[in-house]
C-alpha atoms as a PDB file:
ATOM      1  CA  MET A   1      -3.081  -8.229  12.481  1.00  0.00           C
ATOM      2  CA  SER A   2      -3.109  -4.466  13.294  1.00  0.00           C
ATOM      3  CA  GLU A   3      -5.892  -2.137  12.850  1.00  0.00           C
ATOM      4  CA  VAL A   4      -3.559  -0.053  11.199  1.00  0.00           C
ATOM      5  CA  LEU A   5      -2.149  -2.562   8.735  1.00  0.00           C
ATOM      6  CA  ALA A   6      -5.668  -3.616   7.751  1.00  0.00           C
ATOM      7  CA  SER A   7      -6.910  -0.024   7.286  1.00  0.00           C
ATOM      8  CA  VAL A   8      -3.823   0.623   4.922  1.00  0.00           C
ATOM      9  CA  GLY A   9      -4.121  -2.528   3.175  1.00  0.00           C
ATOM     10  CA  GLU A  10      -7.946  -1.622   2.641  1.00  0.00           C
ATOM     11  CA  ARG A  11      -6.990   1.650   1.125  1.00  0.00           C
ATOM     12  CA  LEU A  12      -4.196   0.030  -1.166  1.00  0.00           C
ATOM     13  CA  ILE A  13      -6.881  -2.306  -2.570  1.00  0.00           C
ATOM     14  CA  SER A  14      -9.062   0.664  -3.229  1.00  0.00           C
ATOM     15  CA  HIS A  15      -6.979   2.936  -4.662  1.00  0.00           C
ATOM     16  CA  ARG A  16      -5.708   0.040  -6.987  1.00  0.00           C
ATOM     17  CA  THR A  17      -9.114  -0.796  -8.114  1.00  0.00           C
ATOM     18  CA  MET A  18     -10.173   2.673  -8.632  1.00  0.00           C
ATOM     19  CA  CYS A  19      -7.365   2.901 -11.371  1.00  0.00           C
ATOM     20  CA  GLY A  20      -8.083  -0.312 -12.907  1.00  0.00           C
ATOM     21  CA  ILE A  21      -4.673  -1.936 -12.324  1.00  0.00           C
ATOM     22  CA  ALA A  22      -4.360  -5.462 -11.644  1.00  0.00           C
ATOM     23  CA  LEU A  23      -2.355  -6.596  -8.621  1.00  0.00           C
ATOM     24  CA  GLU A  24       0.449  -8.251 -10.710  1.00  0.00           C
ATOM     25  CA  ALA A  25       0.522  -4.764 -12.884  1.00  0.00           C
ATOM     26  CA  ALA A  26       0.956  -2.573  -9.605  1.00  0.00           C
ATOM     27  CA  ALA A  27       3.706  -4.609  -8.338  1.00  0.00           C
ATOM     28  CA  ALA A  28       5.655  -4.187 -11.416  1.00  0.00           C
ATOM     29  CA  GLU A  29       5.063  -0.708 -11.867  1.00  0.00           C
ATOM     30  CA  ALA A  30       6.220   0.076  -8.487  1.00  0.00           C
ATOM     31  CA  ARG A  31       9.123  -2.674  -8.297  1.00  0.00           C
ATOM     32  CA  ILE A  32       7.307  -4.523  -5.290  1.00  0.00           C
ATOM     33  CA  ASP A  33       7.175  -8.403  -5.363  1.00  0.00           C
ATOM     34  CA  ALA A  34       3.584  -9.218  -6.069  1.00  0.00           C
ATOM     35  CA  GLU A  35       3.069 -11.715  -3.343  1.00  0.00           C
ATOM     36  CA  ARG A  36       4.620  -8.778  -0.831  1.00  0.00           C
ATOM     37  CA  LEU A  37       1.777  -6.805  -2.086  1.00  0.00           C
ATOM     38  CA  ALA A  38      -1.057  -9.139  -1.690  1.00  0.00           C
ATOM     39  CA  GLU A  39       0.275  -9.349   1.810  1.00  0.00           C
ATOM     40  CA  ALA A  40       0.068  -5.867   2.354  1.00  0.00           C
ATOM     41  CA  GLU A  41      -3.458  -5.610   1.040  1.00  0.00           C
ATOM     42  CA  ALA A  42      -4.521  -8.363   3.298  1.00  0.00           C
ATOM     43  CA  GLY A  43      -3.085  -6.106   5.990  1.00  0.00           C
ATOM     44  CA  GLU A  44      -0.371  -9.018   7.117  1.00  0.00           C
ATOM     45  CA  THR A  45       2.709  -7.184   6.491  1.00  0.00           C
ATOM     46  CA  ALA A  46       3.842  -3.271   6.134  1.00  0.00           C
ATOM     47  CA  LEU A  47       5.503  -1.895   3.155  1.00  0.00           C
ATOM     48  CA  GLU A  48       8.544   0.035   3.254  1.00  0.00           C
ATOM     49  CA  GLU A  49       8.214   3.932   2.843  1.00  0.00           C
ATOM     50  CA  ALA A  50       9.934   3.935  -0.583  1.00  0.00           C
ATOM     51  CA  GLU A  51       7.508   1.042  -2.102  1.00  0.00           C
ATOM     52  CA  LEU A  52       4.391   3.119  -0.759  1.00  0.00           C
ATOM     53  CA  HIS A  53       5.619   6.084  -2.564  1.00  0.00           C
ATOM     54  CA  ARG A  54       6.216   4.118  -5.675  1.00  0.00           C
ATOM     55  CA  LEU A  55       2.565   2.776  -5.366  1.00  0.00           C
ATOM     56  CA  ALA A  56       1.291   6.015  -4.770  1.00  0.00           C
ATOM     57  CA  ALA A  57       2.926   7.159  -7.623  1.00  0.00           C
ATOM     58  CA  ALA A  58       1.375   4.200 -10.113  1.00  0.00           C
ATOM     59  CA  TYR A  59      -2.030   5.302  -8.491  1.00  0.00           C
ATOM     60  CA  GLY A  60      -1.672   8.845  -8.973  1.00  0.00           C
ATOM     61  CA  THR A  61      -1.898   9.699  -5.661  1.00  0.00           C
ATOM     62  CA  ASP A  62      -0.087  10.857  -2.646  1.00  0.00           C
ATOM     63  CA  VAL A  63       1.297   8.440  -0.036  1.00  0.00           C
ATOM     64  CA  THR A  64      -1.095   9.876   2.728  1.00  0.00           C
ATOM     65  CA  ALA A  65      -3.787   8.495   1.115  1.00  0.00           C
ATOM     66  CA  PHE A  66      -3.143   5.110   2.504  1.00  0.00           C
ATOM     67  CA  PHE A  67      -3.039   6.796   5.810  1.00  0.00           C
ATOM     68  CA  GLY A  68      -6.751   8.522   5.785  1.00  0.00           C
ATOM     69  CA  GLY A  69      -4.629  11.720   4.773  1.00  0.00           C
ATOM     70  CA  ARG A  70      -2.277  11.584   7.607  1.00  0.00           C
ATOM     71  CA  ILE A  71       1.146  10.969   7.220  1.00  0.00           C
ATOM     72  CA  THR A  72       2.211   7.442   9.448  1.00  0.00           C
ATOM     73  CA  PRO A  73       4.941   5.332   7.530  1.00  0.00           C
ATOM     74  CA  LEU A  74       7.466   4.428  10.043  1.00  0.00           C
ATOM     75  CA  SER A  75       6.472   1.000   9.074  1.00  0.00           C
ATOM     76  CA  TYR A  76       3.037   1.974   9.988  1.00  0.00           C
ATOM     77  CA  LEU A  77       4.233   2.951  13.399  1.00  0.00           C
ATOM     78  CA  ALA A  78       6.060  -0.592  13.850  1.00  0.00           C
ATOM     79  CA  GLY A  79       3.049  -2.542  13.361  1.00  0.00           C
ATOM     80  CA  ALA A  80       4.976  -4.558  10.684  1.00  0.00           C
END
């Protein structure tokens, strides 16, 4: 697992829990398979940029929040 994937996963969990949203509900809201979201939160896989944007919208934040305020995607700089 790359450090970037792990860091993004921790931020995904943090934002979801701050919103008080269960993993399954967040996945449904963002139209992502719950297992895939769980893997992303565990730092095991990178989400696509569109998926990240949908999660950010569900959490009321900007996608850069998942990357410590920086723009990173490109599947987390090829860490997927």
